PDB file of all heavy atoms in Angstrom:
ATOM      1  N   ILE A   1     246.949-101.236 190.978  1.00  0.00           N
ATOM      2  CA  ILE A   1     247.414-100.656 192.229  1.00  0.00           C
ATOM      3  C   ILE A   1     248.624 -99.799 191.901  1.00  0.00           C
ATOM      4  O   ILE A   1     249.613-100.287 191.347  1.00  0.00           O
ATOM      5  CB  ILE A   1     247.777-101.744 193.257  1.00  0.00           C
ATOM      6  CG1 ILE A   1     246.510-102.480 193.697  1.00  0.00           C
ATOM      7  CG2 ILE A   1     248.483-101.128 194.456  1.00  0.00           C
ATOM      8  CD1 ILE A   1     246.745-103.546 194.742  1.00  0.00           C
ATOM      9  N   VAL A   2     248.525 -98.508 192.215  1.00  0.00           N
ATOM     10  CA  VAL A   2     249.591 -97.558 191.902  1.00  0.00           C
ATOM     11  C   VAL A   2     250.122 -96.959 193.198  1.00  0.00           C
ATOM     12  O   VAL A   2     249.375 -96.323 193.953  1.00  0.00           O
ATOM     13  CB  VAL A   2     249.097 -96.440 190.963  1.00  0.00           C
ATOM     14  CG1 VAL A   2     250.254 -95.498 190.618  1.00  0.00           C
ATOM     15  CG2 VAL A   2     248.508 -97.027 189.682  1.00  0.00           C
ATOM     16  N   THR A   3     251.409 -97.146 193.448  1.00  0.00           N
ATOM     17  CA  THR A   3     252.057 -96.579 194.631  1.00  0.00           C
ATOM     18  C   THR A   3     252.752 -95.274 194.257  1.00  0.00           C
ATOM     19  O   THR A   3     253.013 -95.002 193.092  1.00  0.00           O
ATOM     20  CB  THR A   3     253.076 -97.562 195.224  1.00  0.00           C
ATOM     21  OG1 THR A   3     254.110 -97.816 194.250  1.00  0.00           O
ATOM     22  CG2 THR A   3     252.415 -98.882 195.590  1.00  0.00           C
ATOM     23  N   ASP A   4     253.080 -94.488 195.285  1.00  0.00           N
ATOM     24  CA  ASP A   4     253.726 -93.192 195.041  1.00  0.00           C
ATOM     25  C   ASP A   4     254.584 -92.805 196.239  1.00  0.00           C
ATOM     26  O   ASP A   4     254.397 -91.742 196.839  1.00  0.00           O
ATOM     27  CB  ASP A   4     252.658 -92.130 194.762  1.00  0.00           C
ATOM     28  CG  ASP A   4     253.247 -90.837 194.198  1.00  0.00           C
ATOM     29  OD1 ASP A   4     254.449 -90.817 193.860  1.00  0.00           O
ATOM     30  OD2 ASP A   4     252.486 -89.844 194.103  1.00  0.00           O
ATOM     31  N   GLY A   5     255.500 -93.701 196.613  1.00  0.00           N
ATOM     32  CA  GLY A   5     256.347 -93.423 197.761  1.00  0.00           C
ATOM     33  C   GLY A   5     255.516 -93.293 199.026  1.00  0.00           C
ATOM     34  O   GLY A   5     254.672 -94.138 199.335  1.00  0.00           O
ATOM     35  N   GLY A   6     255.744 -92.215 199.771  1.00  0.00           N
ATOM     36  CA  GLY A   6     254.995 -91.982 200.995  1.00  0.00           C
ATOM     37  C   GLY A   6     253.649 -91.327 200.774  1.00  0.00           C
ATOM     38  O   GLY A   6     252.870 -91.147 201.721  1.00  0.00           O
ATOM     39  N   ARG A   7     253.349 -90.973 199.529  1.00  0.00           N
ATOM     40  CA  ARG A   7     252.052 -90.376 199.216  1.00  0.00           C
ATOM     41  C   ARG A   7     251.004 -91.476 199.035  1.00  0.00           C
ATOM     42  O   ARG A   7     251.334 -92.659 198.988  1.00  0.00           O
ATOM     43  CB  ARG A   7     252.182 -89.526 197.946  1.00  0.00           C
ATOM     44  CG  ARG A   7     253.194 -88.388 198.075  1.00  0.00           C
ATOM     45  CD  ARG A   7     253.424 -87.716 196.733  1.00  0.00           C
ATOM     46  NE  ARG A   7     252.245 -87.015 196.258  1.00  0.00           N
ATOM     47  CZ  ARG A   7     252.118 -86.530 195.021  1.00  0.00           C
ATOM     48  NH1 ARG A   7     253.094 -86.698 194.134  1.00  0.00           N
ATOM     49  NH2 ARG A   7     251.024 -85.883 194.666  1.00  0.00           N
ATOM     50  N   PRO A   8     249.711 -91.116 198.927  1.00  0.00           N
ATOM     51  CA  PRO A   8     248.664 -92.132 198.859  1.00  0.00           C
ATOM     52  C   PRO A   8     248.848 -93.139 197.725  1.00  0.00           C
ATOM     53  O   PRO A   8     249.231 -92.790 196.606  1.00  0.00           O
ATOM     54  CB  PRO A   8     247.388 -91.303 198.653  1.00  0.00           C
ATOM     55  CG  PRO A   8     247.689 -90.004 199.322  1.00  0.00           C
ATOM     56  CD  PRO A   8     249.142 -89.752 199.019  1.00  0.00           C
ATOM     57  N   THR A   9     248.567 -94.396 198.055  1.00  0.00           N
ATOM     58  CA  THR A   9     248.506 -95.485 197.079  1.00  0.00           C
ATOM     59  C   THR A   9     247.050 -95.671 196.686  1.00  0.00           C
ATOM     60  O   THR A   9     246.151 -95.559 197.523  1.00  0.00           O
ATOM     61  CB  THR A   9     249.055 -96.784 197.700  1.00  0.00           C
ATOM     62  OG1 THR A   9     250.462 -96.661 197.877  1.00  0.00           O
ATOM     63  CG2 THR A   9     248.766 -97.993 196.823  1.00  0.00           C
ATOM     64  N   VAL A  10     246.816 -95.979 195.419  1.00  0.00           N
ATOM     65  CA  VAL A  10     245.442 -96.092 194.917  1.00  0.00           C
ATOM     66  C   VAL A  10     245.219 -97.472 194.299  1.00  0.00           C
ATOM     67  O   VAL A  10     246.041 -97.970 193.539  1.00  0.00           O
ATOM     68  CB  VAL A  10     245.142 -95.003 193.874  1.00  0.00           C
ATOM     69  CG1 VAL A  10     243.761 -95.194 193.268  1.00  0.00           C
ATOM     70  CG2 VAL A  10     245.243 -93.625 194.525  1.00  0.00           C
ATOM     71  N   PHE A  11     244.086 -98.081 194.673  1.00  0.00           N
ATOM     72  CA  PHE A  11     243.642 -99.342 194.094  1.00  0.00           C
ATOM     73  C   PHE A  11     242.402 -99.022 193.268  1.00  0.00           C
ATOM     74  O   PHE A  11     241.392 -98.571 193.802  1.00  0.00           O
ATOM     75  CB  PHE A  11     243.330-100.334 195.210  1.00  0.00           C
ATOM     76  CG  PHE A  11     242.862-101.691 194.750  1.00  0.00           C
ATOM     77  CD1 PHE A  11     242.999-102.112 193.433  1.00  0.00           C
ATOM     78  CD2 PHE A  11     242.268-102.567 195.651  1.00  0.00           C
ATOM     79  CE1 PHE A  11     242.578-103.358 193.021  1.00  0.00           C
ATOM     80  CE2 PHE A  11     241.835-103.820 195.258  1.00  0.00           C
ATOM     81  CZ  PHE A  11     241.989-104.219 193.940  1.00  0.00           C
ATOM     82  N   ALA A  12     242.481 -99.264 191.950  1.00  0.00           N
ATOM     83  CA  ALA A  12     241.394 -98.872 191.051  1.00  0.00           C
ATOM     84  C   ALA A  12     240.865-100.053 190.255  1.00  0.00           C
ATOM     85  O   ALA A  12     241.611-100.952 189.851  1.00  0.00           O
ATOM     86  CB  ALA A  12     241.874 -97.787 190.081  1.00  0.00           C
ATOM     87  N   THR A  13     239.547-100.048 190.054  1.00  0.00           N
ATOM     88  CA  THR A  13     238.871-100.967 189.145  1.00  0.00           C
ATOM     89  C   THR A  13     237.852-100.147 188.364  1.00  0.00           C
ATOM     90  O   THR A  13     237.701 -98.930 188.592  1.00  0.00           O
ATOM     91  CB  THR A  13     238.140-102.091 189.908  1.00  0.00           C
ATOM     92  OG1 THR A  13     237.032-101.520 190.621  1.00  0.00           O
ATOM     93  CG2 THR A  13     239.079-102.792 190.895  1.00  0.00           C
ATOM     94  N   ALA A  14     237.122-100.807 187.487  1.00  0.00           N
ATOM     95  CA  ALA A  14     236.085-100.095 186.742  1.00  0.00           C
ATOM     96  C   ALA A  14     234.987 -99.588 187.667  1.00  0.00           C
ATOM     97  O   ALA A  14     234.234 -98.674 187.312  1.00  0.00           O
ATOM     98  CB  ALA A  14     235.494-101.012 185.673  1.00  0.00           C
ATOM     99  N   ASP A  15     234.892-100.147 188.874  1.00  0.00           N
ATOM    100  CA  ASP A  15     233.859 -99.741 189.833  1.00  0.00           C
ATOM    101  C   ASP A  15     234.266 -98.539 190.678  1.00  0.00           C
ATOM    102  O   ASP A  15     233.457 -98.023 191.453  1.00  0.00           O
ATOM    103  CB  ASP A  15     233.516-100.911 190.757  1.00  0.00           C
ATOM    104  CG  ASP A  15     232.909-102.088 190.004  1.00  0.00           C
ATOM    105  OD1 ASP A  15     232.199-101.841 189.011  1.00  0.00           O
ATOM    106  OD2 ASP A  15     233.160-103.236 190.406  1.00  0.00           O
ATOM    107  N   GLY A  16     235.521 -98.110 190.570  1.00  0.00           N
ATOM    108  CA  GLY A  16     235.955 -96.956 191.345  1.00  0.00           C
ATOM    109  C   GLY A  16     237.315 -97.175 191.985  1.00  0.00           C
ATOM    110  O   GLY A  16     237.998 -98.170 191.722  1.00  0.00           O
ATOM    111  N   CYS A  17     237.708 -96.220 192.828  1.00  0.00           N
ATOM    112  CA  CYS A  17     239.036 -96.228 193.438  1.00  0.00           C
ATOM    113  C   CYS A  17     238.946 -96.157 194.959  1.00  0.00           C
ATOM    114  O   CYS A  17     238.007 -95.573 195.509  1.00  0.00           O
ATOM    115  CB  CYS A  17     239.857 -95.031 192.958  1.00  0.00           C
ATOM    116  SG  CYS A  17     240.176 -94.967 191.190  1.00  0.00           S
ATOM    117  N   ILE A  18     239.934 -96.741 195.615  1.00  0.00           N
ATOM    118  CA  ILE A  18     240.150 -96.498 197.037  1.00  0.00           C
ATOM    119  C   ILE A  18     241.585 -96.015 197.192  1.00  0.00           C
ATOM    120  O   ILE A  18     242.468 -96.362 196.405  1.00  0.00           O
ATOM    121  CB  ILE A  18     239.902 -97.750 197.896  1.00  0.00           C
ATOM    122  CG1 ILE A  18     240.846 -98.894 197.492  1.00  0.00           C
ATOM    123  CG2 ILE A  18     238.454 -98.183 197.816  1.00  0.00           C
ATOM    124  CD1 ILE A  18     240.774-100.081 198.424  1.00  0.00           C
ATOM    125  N   SER A  19     241.816 -95.212 198.207  1.00  0.00           N
ATOM    126  CA  SER A  19     243.129 -94.611 198.414  1.00  0.00           C
ATOM    127  C   SER A  19     243.535 -94.741 199.876  1.00  0.00           C
ATOM    128  O   SER A  19     242.705 -94.534 200.773  1.00  0.00           O
ATOM    129  CB  SER A  19     243.089 -93.131 198.007  1.00  0.00           C
ATOM    130  OG  SER A  19     244.308 -92.491 198.291  1.00  0.00           O
ATOM    131  N   GLN A  20     244.805 -95.085 200.107  1.00  0.00           N
ATOM    132  CA  GLN A  20     245.328 -95.165 201.471  1.00  0.00           C
ATOM    133  C   GLN A  20     246.760 -94.622 201.490  1.00  0.00           C
ATOM    134  O   GLN A  20     247.523 -94.825 200.545  1.00  0.00           O
ATOM    135  CB  GLN A  20     245.340 -96.613 201.976  1.00  0.00           C
ATOM    136  CG  GLN A  20     243.972 -97.228 202.180  1.00  0.00           C
ATOM    137  CD  GLN A  20     244.054 -98.625 202.777  1.00  0.00           C
ATOM    138  OE1 GLN A  20     245.069 -99.000 203.356  1.00  0.00           O
ATOM    139  NE2 GLN A  20     242.983 -99.385 202.629  1.00  0.00           N
ATOM    140  N   THR A  21     247.094 -93.943 202.571  1.00  0.00           N
ATOM    141  CA  THR A  21     248.453 -93.421 202.742  1.00  0.00           C
ATOM    142  C   THR A  21     249.304 -94.466 203.463  1.00  0.00           C
ATOM    143  O   THR A  21     248.889 -94.975 204.510  1.00  0.00           O
ATOM    144  CB  THR A  21     248.439 -92.124 203.548  1.00  0.00           C
ATOM    145  OG1 THR A  21     247.645 -91.156 202.851  1.00  0.00           O
ATOM    146  CG2 THR A  21     249.851 -91.580 203.731  1.00  0.00           C
ATOM    147  N   PRO A  22     250.475 -94.818 202.937  1.00  0.00           N
ATOM    148  CA  PRO A  22     251.323 -95.815 203.589  1.00  0.00           C
ATOM    149  C   PRO A  22     251.756 -95.365 204.979  1.00  0.00           C
ATOM    150  O   PRO A  22     251.888 -94.159 205.238  1.00  0.00           O
ATOM    151  CB  PRO A  22     252.539 -95.911 202.647  1.00  0.00           C
ATOM    152  CG  PRO A  22     252.074 -95.358 201.348  1.00  0.00           C
ATOM    153  CD  PRO A  22     251.049 -94.323 201.677  1.00  0.00           C
ATOM    154  N   PRO A  23     252.011 -96.301 205.881  1.00  0.00           N
ATOM    155  CA  PRO A  23     252.509 -95.931 207.211  1.00  0.00           C
ATOM    156  C   PRO A  23     253.853 -95.216 207.080  1.00  0.00           C
ATOM    157  O   PRO A  23     254.703 -95.632 206.289  1.00  0.00           O
ATOM    158  CB  PRO A  23     252.681 -97.282 207.916  1.00  0.00           C
ATOM    159  CG  PRO A  23     251.823 -98.233 207.159  1.00  0.00           C
ATOM    160  CD  PRO A  23     251.813 -97.754 205.746  1.00  0.00           C
ATOM    161  N   PRO A  24     254.076 -94.137 207.829  1.00  0.00           N
ATOM    162  CA  PRO A  24     255.363 -93.448 207.757  1.00  0.00           C
ATOM    163  C   PRO A  24     256.453 -94.263 208.456  1.00  0.00           C
ATOM    164  O   PRO A  24     256.288 -94.678 209.606  1.00  0.00           O
ATOM    165  CB  PRO A  24     255.109 -92.132 208.491  1.00  0.00           C
ATOM    166  CG  PRO A  24     253.978 -92.446 209.426  1.00  0.00           C
ATOM    167  CD  PRO A  24     253.134 -93.467 208.745  1.00  0.00           C
ATOM    168  N   VAL A  25     257.553 -94.525 207.745  1.00  0.00           N
ATOM    169  CA  VAL A  25     258.657 -95.310 208.325  1.00  0.00           C
ATOM    170  C   VAL A  25     259.986 -94.719 207.879  1.00  0.00           C
ATOM    171  O   VAL A  25     260.071 -93.995 206.880  1.00  0.00           O
ATOM    172  CB  VAL A  25     258.591 -96.793 207.889  1.00  0.00           C
ATOM    173  CG1 VAL A  25     257.359 -97.474 208.447  1.00  0.00           C
ATOM    174  CG2 VAL A  25     258.628 -96.914 206.367  1.00  0.00           C
ATOM    175  N   ALA A  26     261.028 -95.028 208.637  1.00  0.00           N
ATOM    176  CA  ALA A  26     262.386 -94.667 208.231  1.00  0.00           C
ATOM    177  C   ALA A  26     262.862 -95.681 207.197  1.00  0.00           C
ATOM    178  O   ALA A  26     262.696 -96.890 207.384  1.00  0.00           O
ATOM    179  CB  ALA A  26     263.312 -94.673 209.441  1.00  0.00           C
TER     180      ALA A  26
END
């Protein structure tokens, strides 16, 4: 699982990746 601040976070396995953007917060 690789995060990138407010940019999309990616969860990867050998079967592929899913990506989600974190909720915007102060």
